[in-house]
């Protein structure tokens, strides 16, 4: 891990970002006190979707598949 001052970070930002892209972690300090850390961005991994995960937890009755009443269809403009 590398430590740089605020002034060095401002004047060498492109170089520091290239180092961060290469995997380096850089601490930015005000004097000798660390105030920030530059680290590579890692996008969160997409969660794997599993088919049937709710099986047995919910149910859909046969009335779900019945046609809607006329007044309901009219309310939807059909």
PDB file of N, CA and C in Angstrom:
ATOM      1  N   UNK A   1       0.845  -1.168   0.000  1.00  0.00           N
ATOM      2  CA  UNK A   1       0.000   0.000   0.000  1.00  0.00           C
ATOM      3  C   UNK A   1       0.894   1.236   0.000  1.00  0.00           C
ATOM      4  N   UNK A   2       0.514   2.175  -0.841  1.00  0.00           N
ATOM      5  CA  UNK A   2       1.303   3.382  -1.039  1.00  0.00           C
ATOM      6  C   UNK A   2       0.562   4.563  -0.411  1.00  0.00           C
ATOM      7  N   UNK A   3       1.291   5.502   0.186  1.00  0.00           N
ATOM      8  CA  UNK A   3       0.695   6.700   0.768  1.00  0.00           C
ATOM      9  C   UNK A   3       1.216   7.925   0.036  1.00  0.00           C
ATOM     10  N   UNK A   4       0.292   8.831  -0.329  1.00  0.00           N
ATOM     11  CA  UNK A   4       0.664  10.076  -1.000  1.00  0.00           C
ATOM     12  C   UNK A   4      -0.044  11.236  -0.313  1.00  0.00           C
ATOM     13  N   UNK A   5       0.511  12.429  -0.471  1.00  0.00           N
ATOM     14  CA  UNK A   5      -0.123  13.620   0.085  1.00  0.00           C
ATOM     15  C   UNK A   5      -1.242  14.091  -0.850  1.00  0.00           C
ATOM     16  N   UNK A   6      -2.074  14.976  -0.340  1.00  0.00           N
ATOM     17  CA  UNK A   6      -3.148  15.532  -1.168  1.00  0.00           C
ATOM     18  C   UNK A   6      -2.560  16.226  -2.391  1.00  0.00           C
ATOM     19  N   UNK A   7      -1.514  16.985  -2.194  1.00  0.00           N
ATOM     20  CA  UNK A   7      -0.887  17.696  -3.316  1.00  0.00           C
ATOM     21  C   UNK A   7      -0.400  16.716  -4.377  1.00  0.00           C
ATOM     22  N   UNK A   8       0.260  15.646  -3.956  1.00  0.00           N
ATOM     23  CA  UNK A   8       0.748  14.643  -4.911  1.00  0.00           C
ATOM     24  C   UNK A   8      -0.427  13.965  -5.611  1.00  0.00           C
ATOM     25  N   UNK A   9      -1.496  13.717  -4.882  1.00  0.00           N
ATOM     26  CA  UNK A   9      -2.669  13.078  -5.488  1.00  0.00           C
ATOM     27  C   UNK A   9      -3.288  13.979  -6.551  1.00  0.00           C
ATOM     28  N   UNK A  10      -3.317  15.288  -6.286  1.00  0.00           N
ATOM     29  CA  UNK A  10      -3.889  16.217  -7.257  1.00  0.00           C
ATOM     30  C   UNK A  10      -3.027  16.326  -8.506  1.00  0.00           C
ATOM     31  N   UNK A  11      -1.725  16.351  -8.326  1.00  0.00           N
ATOM     32  CA  UNK A  11      -0.843  16.544  -9.475  1.00  0.00           C
ATOM     33  C   UNK A  11      -0.581  15.252 -10.252  1.00  0.00           C
ATOM     34  N   UNK A  12      -0.759  14.082  -9.622  1.00  0.00           N
ATOM     35  CA  UNK A  12      -0.456  12.808 -10.274  1.00  0.00           C
ATOM     36  C   UNK A  12      -1.671  11.884 -10.336  1.00  0.00           C
ATOM     37  N   UNK A  13      -2.875  12.455 -10.391  1.00  0.00           N
ATOM     38  CA  UNK A  13      -4.080  11.634 -10.311  1.00  0.00           C
ATOM     39  C   UNK A  13      -4.144  10.567 -11.410  1.00  0.00           C
ATOM     40  N   UNK A  14      -3.836  10.913 -12.641  1.00  0.00           N
ATOM     41  CA  UNK A  14      -3.895   9.928 -13.730  1.00  0.00           C
ATOM     42  C   UNK A  14      -2.953   8.752 -13.464  1.00  0.00           C
ATOM     43  N   UNK A  15      -1.737   9.058 -13.034  1.00  0.00           N
ATOM     44  CA  UNK A  15      -0.752   8.007 -12.727  1.00  0.00           C
ATOM     45  C   UNK A  15      -1.242   7.128 -11.571  1.00  0.00           C
ATOM     46  N   UNK A  16      -1.788   7.767 -10.539  1.00  0.00           N
ATOM     47  CA  UNK A  16      -2.279   7.014  -9.382  1.00  0.00           C
ATOM     48  C   UNK A  16      -3.457   6.116  -9.773  1.00  0.00           C
ATOM     49  N   UNK A  17      -4.346   6.624 -10.604  1.00  0.00           N
ATOM     50  CA  UNK A  17      -5.477   5.807 -11.052  1.00  0.00           C
ATOM     51  C   UNK A  17      -5.011   4.615 -11.877  1.00  0.00           C
ATOM     52  N   UNK A  18      -3.968   4.788 -12.666  1.00  0.00           N
ATOM     53  CA  UNK A  18      -3.414   3.660 -13.417  1.00  0.00           C
ATOM     54  C   UNK A  18      -2.874   2.601 -12.456  1.00  0.00           C
ATOM     55  N   UNK A  19      -2.247   3.045 -11.376  1.00  0.00           N
ATOM     56  CA  UNK A  19      -1.741   2.102 -10.379  1.00  0.00           C
ATOM     57  C   UNK A  19      -2.892   1.377  -9.678  1.00  0.00           C
ATOM     58  N   UNK A  20      -3.967   2.114  -9.409  1.00  0.00           N
ATOM     59  CA  UNK A  20      -5.138   1.506  -8.778  1.00  0.00           C
ATOM     60  C   UNK A  20      -5.759   0.471  -9.721  1.00  0.00           C
ATOM     61  N   UNK A  21      -5.833   0.790 -11.000  1.00  0.00           N
ATOM     62  CA  UNK A  21      -6.359  -0.169 -11.980  1.00  0.00           C
ATOM     63  C   UNK A  21      -5.525  -1.441 -12.005  1.00  0.00           C
ATOM     64  N   UNK A  22      -4.241  -1.312 -11.721  1.00  0.00           N
ATOM     65  CA  UNK A  22      -3.344  -2.465 -11.703  1.00  0.00           C
ATOM     66  C   UNK A  22      -3.445  -3.250 -10.396  1.00  0.00           C
ATOM     67  N   UNK A  23      -4.301  -2.783  -9.473  1.00  0.00           N
ATOM     68  CA  UNK A  23      -4.505  -3.526  -8.233  1.00  0.00           C
ATOM     69  C   UNK A  23      -3.906  -2.903  -6.990  1.00  0.00           C
ATOM     70  N   UNK A  24      -3.182  -1.821  -7.133  1.00  0.00           N
ATOM     71  CA  UNK A  24      -2.549  -1.143  -5.990  1.00  0.00           C
ATOM     72  C   UNK A  24      -3.604  -0.396  -5.171  1.00  0.00           C
ATOM     73  N   UNK A  25      -3.431  -0.330  -3.867  1.00  0.00           N
ATOM     74  CA  UNK A  25      -4.256   0.507  -3.006  1.00  0.00           C
ATOM     75  C   UNK A  25      -3.414   1.708  -2.601  1.00  0.00           C
ATOM     76  N   UNK A  26      -4.008   2.899  -2.682  1.00  0.00           N
ATOM     77  CA  UNK A  26      -3.271   4.122  -2.395  1.00  0.00           C
ATOM     78  C   UNK A  26      -4.004   4.907  -1.314  1.00  0.00           C
ATOM     79  N   UNK A  27      -3.290   5.311  -0.285  1.00  0.00           N
ATOM     80  CA  UNK A  27      -3.844   6.118   0.801  1.00  0.00           C
ATOM     81  C   UNK A  27      -3.471   7.573   0.538  1.00  0.00           C
ATOM     82  N   UNK A  28      -4.474   8.452   0.643  1.00  0.00           N
ATOM     83  CA  UNK A  28      -4.234   9.887   0.499  1.00  0.00           C
ATOM     84  C   UNK A  28      -4.218  10.470   1.912  1.00  0.00           C
ATOM     85  N   UNK A  29      -3.160  11.233   2.202  1.00  0.00           N
ATOM     86  CA  UNK A  29      -2.989  11.756   3.554  1.00  0.00           C
ATOM     87  C   UNK A  29      -2.871  13.273   3.550  1.00  0.00           C
ATOM     88  N   UNK A  30      -3.397  13.868   4.622  1.00  0.00           N
ATOM     89  CA  UNK A  30      -3.192  15.290   4.874  1.00  0.00           C
ATOM     90  C   UNK A  30      -2.057  15.344   5.890  1.00  0.00           C
ATOM     91  N   UNK A  31      -0.895  15.722   5.406  1.00  0.00           N
ATOM     92  CA  UNK A  31       0.292  15.644   6.260  1.00  0.00           C
ATOM     93  C   UNK A  31       0.622  14.178   6.475  1.00  0.00           C
ATOM     94  N   UNK A  32       0.561  13.729   7.728  1.00  0.00           N
ATOM     95  CA  UNK A  32       0.820  12.315   8.013  1.00  0.00           C
ATOM     96  C   UNK A  32      -0.449  11.561   8.371  1.00  0.00           C
ATOM     97  N   UNK A  33      -1.604  12.254   8.360  1.00  0.00           N
ATOM     98  CA  UNK A  33      -2.856  11.615   8.752  1.00  0.00           C
ATOM     99  C   UNK A  33      -3.634  11.126   7.527  1.00  0.00           C
ATOM    100  N   UNK A  34      -3.862   9.830   7.415  1.00  0.00           N
ATOM    101  CA  UNK A  34      -4.616   9.289   6.290  1.00  0.00           C
ATOM    102  C   UNK A  34      -6.068   9.796   6.315  1.00  0.00           C
ATOM    103  N   UNK A  35      -6.578  10.184   5.137  1.00  0.00           N
ATOM    104  CA  UNK A  35      -7.952  10.668   5.082  1.00  0.00           C
ATOM    105  C   UNK A  35      -8.797   9.938   4.045  1.00  0.00           C
ATOM    106  N   UNK A  36      -8.162   9.249   3.088  1.00  0.00           N
ATOM    107  CA  UNK A  36      -8.924   8.548   2.053  1.00  0.00           C
ATOM    108  C   UNK A  36      -8.087   7.415   1.490  1.00  0.00           C
ATOM    109  N   UNK A  37      -8.782   6.475   0.846  1.00  0.00           N
ATOM    110  CA  UNK A  37      -8.076   5.359   0.220  1.00  0.00           C
ATOM    111  C   UNK A  37      -8.626   5.173  -1.193  1.00  0.00           C
ATOM    112  N   UNK A  38      -7.721   5.065  -2.153  1.00  0.00           N
ATOM    113  CA  UNK A  38      -8.103   4.757  -3.536  1.00  0.00           C
ATOM    114  C   UNK A  38      -7.938   3.249  -3.727  1.00  0.00           C
ATOM    115  N   UNK A  39      -9.025   2.591  -4.108  1.00  0.00           N
ATOM    116  CA  UNK A  39      -8.995   1.143  -4.327  1.00  0.00           C
ATOM    117  C   UNK A  39      -9.660   0.839  -5.658  1.00  0.00           C
ATOM    118  N   UNK A  40      -9.330  -0.285  -6.280  1.00  0.00           N
ATOM    119  CA  UNK A  40      -9.974  -0.642  -7.547  1.00  0.00           C
ATOM    120  C   UNK A  40     -11.481  -0.855  -7.345  1.00  0.00           C
ATOM    121  N   UNK A  41     -12.265  -0.422  -8.318  1.00  0.00           N
ATOM    122  CA  UNK A  41     -13.710  -0.619  -8.276  1.00  0.00           C
ATOM    123  C   UNK A  41     -14.028  -2.049  -8.669  1.00  0.00           C
ATOM    124  N   UNK A  42     -14.837  -2.697  -7.881  1.00  0.00           N
ATOM    125  CA  UNK A  42     -15.280  -4.059  -8.179  1.00  0.00           C
ATOM    126  C   UNK A  42     -16.804  -4.046  -8.187  1.00  0.00           C
ATOM    127  N   UNK A  43     -17.385  -4.309  -9.343  1.00  0.00           N
ATOM    128  CA  UNK A  43     -18.842  -4.348  -9.455  1.00  0.00           C
ATOM    129  C   UNK A  43     -19.361  -5.530  -8.645  1.00  0.00           C
ATOM    130  N   UNK A  44     -20.469  -5.341  -7.961  1.00  0.00           N
ATOM    131  CA  UNK A  44     -21.019  -6.463  -7.202  1.00  0.00           C
ATOM    132  C   UNK A  44     -21.409  -7.602  -8.133  1.00  0.00           C
ATOM    133  N   UNK A  45     -21.138  -8.813  -7.703  1.00  0.00           N
ATOM    134  CA  UNK A  45     -21.469  -9.980  -8.516  1.00  0.00           C
ATOM    135  C   UNK A  45     -22.979 -10.140  -8.590  1.00  0.00           C
ATOM    136  N   UNK A  46     -23.466 -10.484  -9.771  1.00  0.00           N
ATOM    137  CA  UNK A  46     -24.897 -10.709  -9.947  1.00  0.00           C
ATOM    138  C   UNK A  46     -25.293 -11.976  -9.202  1.00  0.00           C
ATOM    139  N   UNK A  47     -26.404 -11.896  -8.493  1.00  0.00           N
ATOM    140  CA  UNK A  47     -26.868 -13.068  -7.760  1.00  0.00           C
ATOM    141  C   UNK A  47     -27.431 -14.080  -8.748  1.00  0.00           C
ATOM    142  N   UNK A  48     -27.094 -15.307  -8.527  1.00  0.00           N
ATOM    143  CA  UNK A  48     -27.587 -16.389  -9.372  1.00  0.00           C
ATOM    144  C   UNK A  48     -29.060 -16.637  -9.055  1.00  0.00           C
ATOM    145  N   UNK A  49     -29.909 -16.604 -10.081  1.00  0.00           N
ATOM    146  CA  UNK A  49     -31.327 -16.861  -9.876  1.00  0.00           C
ATOM    147  C   UNK A  49     -31.580 -18.360  -9.954  1.00  0.00           C
ATOM    148  N   UNK A  50     -32.406 -18.834  -9.049  1.00  0.00           N
ATOM    149  CA  UNK A  50     -32.694 -20.256  -8.979  1.00  0.00           C
ATOM    150  C   UNK A  50     -34.176 -20.473  -9.263  1.00  0.00           C
ATOM    151  N   UNK A  51     -34.482 -21.252 -10.292  1.00  0.00           N
ATOM    152  CA  UNK A  51     -35.865 -21.546 -10.627  1.00  0.00           C
ATOM    153  C   UNK A  51     -36.481 -22.428  -9.548  1.00  0.00           C
ATOM    154  N   UNK A  52     -37.719 -22.146  -9.189  1.00  0.00           N
ATOM    155  CA  UNK A  52     -38.429 -22.971  -8.223  1.00  0.00           C
ATOM    156  C   UNK A  52     -38.088 -22.679  -6.779  1.00  0.00           C
ATOM    157  N   UNK A  53     -37.451 -21.570  -6.521  1.00  0.00           N
ATOM    158  CA  UNK A  53     -37.028 -21.254  -5.163  1.00  0.00           C
ATOM    159  C   UNK A  53     -38.210 -21.069  -4.205  1.00  0.00           C
ATOM    160  N   UNK A  54     -39.366 -20.664  -4.739  1.00  0.00           N
ATOM    161  CA  UNK A  54     -40.544 -20.457  -3.892  1.00  0.00           C
ATOM    162  C   UNK A  54     -41.515 -21.624  -3.943  1.00  0.00           C
ATOM    163  N   UNK A  55     -41.101 -22.719  -4.544  1.00  0.00           N
ATOM    164  CA  UNK A  55     -41.974 -23.871  -4.641  1.00  0.00           C
ATOM    165  C   UNK A  55     -42.404 -24.330  -3.246  1.00  0.00           C
ATOM    166  N   UNK A  56     -43.725 -24.505  -3.083  1.00  0.00           N
ATOM    167  CA  UNK A  56     -44.264 -24.917  -1.803  1.00  0.00           C
ATOM    168  C   UNK A  56     -44.515 -23.772  -0.834  1.00  0.00           C
ATOM    169  N   UNK A  57     -44.053 -22.557  -1.168  1.00  0.00           N
ATOM    170  CA  UNK A  57     -44.241 -21.405  -0.291  1.00  0.00           C
ATOM    171  C   UNK A  57     -45.426 -20.547  -0.733  1.00  0.00           C
ATOM    172  N   UNK A  58     -45.744 -20.584  -2.022  1.00  0.00           N
ATOM    173  CA  UNK A  58     -46.888 -19.841  -2.535  1.00  0.00           C
ATOM    174  C   UNK A  58     -47.703 -20.768  -3.419  1.00  0.00           C
ATOM    175  N   UNK A  59     -48.950 -20.398  -3.602  1.00  0.00           N
ATOM    176  CA  UNK A  59     -49.785 -21.196  -4.509  1.00  0.00           C
ATOM    177  C   UNK A  59     -50.720 -20.267  -5.264  1.00  0.00           C
ATOM    178  N   UNK A  60     -51.069 -20.670  -6.464  1.00  0.00           N
ATOM    179  CA  UNK A  60     -51.992 -19.917  -7.305  1.00  0.00           C
ATOM    180  C   UNK A  60     -53.191 -20.820  -7.551  1.00  0.00           C
ATOM    181  N   UNK A  61     -54.354 -20.335  -7.123  1.00  0.00           N
ATOM    182  CA  UNK A  61     -55.568 -21.128  -7.271  1.00  0.00           C
ATOM    183  C   UNK A  61     -56.076 -21.125  -8.704  1.00  0.00           C
ATOM    184  N   UNK A  62     -56.999 -22.022  -9.017  1.00  0.00           N
ATOM    185  CA  UNK A  62     -57.528 -22.115 -10.376  1.00  0.00           C
ATOM    186  C   UNK A  62     -58.291 -20.865 -10.800  1.00  0.00           C
ATOM    187  N   UNK A  63     -58.798 -20.080  -9.834  1.00  0.00           N
ATOM    188  CA  UNK A  63     -59.529 -18.863 -10.182  1.00  0.00           C
ATOM    189  C   UNK A  63     -58.640 -17.828 -10.861  1.00  0.00           C
ATOM    190  N   UNK A  64     -57.331 -17.943 -10.690  1.00  0.00           N
ATOM    191  CA  UNK A  64     -56.393 -17.022 -11.333  1.00  0.00           C
ATOM    192  C   UNK A  64     -56.498 -17.119 -12.856  1.00  0.00           C
ATOM    193  N   UNK A  65     -56.806 -18.305 -13.372  1.00  0.00           N
ATOM    194  CA  UNK A  65     -56.818 -18.542 -14.811  1.00  0.00           C
ATOM    195  C   UNK A  65     -58.199 -18.333 -15.429  1.00  0.00           C
ATOM    196  N   UNK A  66     -59.189 -17.990 -14.624  1.00  0.00           N
ATOM    197  CA  UNK A  66     -60.537 -17.749 -15.143  1.00  0.00           C
ATOM    198  C   UNK A  66     -60.594 -16.360 -15.771  1.00  0.00           C
ATOM    199  N   UNK A  67     -61.464 -16.187 -16.782  1.00  0.00           N
ATOM    200  CA  UNK A  67     -61.586 -14.862 -17.407  1.00  0.00           C
ATOM    201  C   UNK A  67     -62.064 -13.824 -16.382  1.00  0.00           C
ATOM    202  N   UNK A  68     -61.662 -12.581 -16.591  1.00  0.00           N
ATOM    203  CA  UNK A  68     -62.089 -11.509 -15.707  1.00  0.00           C
ATOM    204  C   UNK A  68     -63.559 -11.178 -15.949  1.00  0.00           C
ATOM    205  N   UNK A  69     -64.266 -10.707 -14.935  1.00  0.00           N
ATOM    206  CA  UNK A  69     -65.652 -10.290 -15.119  1.00  0.00           C
ATOM    207  C   UNK A  69     -65.729  -9.090 -16.072  1.00  0.00           C
ATOM    208  N   UNK A  70     -66.882  -8.916 -16.712  1.00  0.00           N
ATOM    209  CA  UNK A  70     -67.058  -7.837 -17.687  1.00  0.00           C
ATOM    210  C   UNK A  70     -66.763  -6.464 -17.086  1.00  0.00           C
ATOM    211  N   UNK A  71     -67.231  -6.208 -15.846  1.00  0.00           N
ATOM    212  CA  UNK A  71     -66.993  -4.888 -15.244  1.00  0.00           C
ATOM    213  C   UNK A  71     -65.507  -4.615 -15.021  1.00  0.00           C
ATOM    214  N   UNK A  72     -64.748  -5.656 -14.735  1.00  0.00           N
ATOM    215  CA  UNK A  72     -63.292  -5.497 -14.583  1.00  0.00           C
ATOM    216  C   UNK A  72     -62.655  -5.169 -15.930  1.00  0.00           C
ATOM    217  N   UNK A  73     -63.054  -5.861 -16.975  1.00  0.00           N
ATOM    218  CA  UNK A  73     -62.530  -5.584 -18.314  1.00  0.00           C
ATOM    219  C   UNK A  73     -62.884  -4.180 -18.762  1.00  0.00           C
ATOM    220  N   UNK A  74     -64.089  -3.724 -18.449  1.00  0.00           N
ATOM    221  CA  UNK A  74     -64.503  -2.363 -18.813  1.00  0.00           C
ATOM    222  C   UNK A  74     -63.672  -1.332 -18.066  1.00  0.00           C
ATOM    223  N   UNK A  75     -63.354  -1.609 -16.812  1.00  0.00           N
ATOM    224  CA  UNK A  75     -62.528  -0.683 -16.036  1.00  0.00           C
ATOM    225  C   UNK A  75     -61.139  -0.535 -16.644  1.00  0.00           C
ATOM    226  N   UNK A  76     -60.655  -1.583 -17.297  1.00  0.00           N
ATOM    227  CA  UNK A  76     -59.343  -1.551 -17.943  1.00  0.00           C
ATOM    228  C   UNK A  76     -59.459  -1.027 -19.384  1.00  0.00           C
ATOM    229  N   UNK A  77     -60.649  -0.744 -19.837  1.00  0.00           N
ATOM    230  CA  UNK A  77     -60.838  -0.195 -21.175  1.00  0.00           C
ATOM    231  C   UNK A  77     -60.757  -1.214 -22.278  1.00  0.00           C
ATOM    232  N   UNK A  78     -61.144  -2.450 -21.993  1.00  0.00           N
ATOM    233  CA  UNK A  78     -61.090  -3.495 -23.032  1.00  0.00           C
ATOM    234  C   UNK A  78     -62.440  -4.082 -23.265  1.00  0.00           C
TER     235      UNK A  78
END
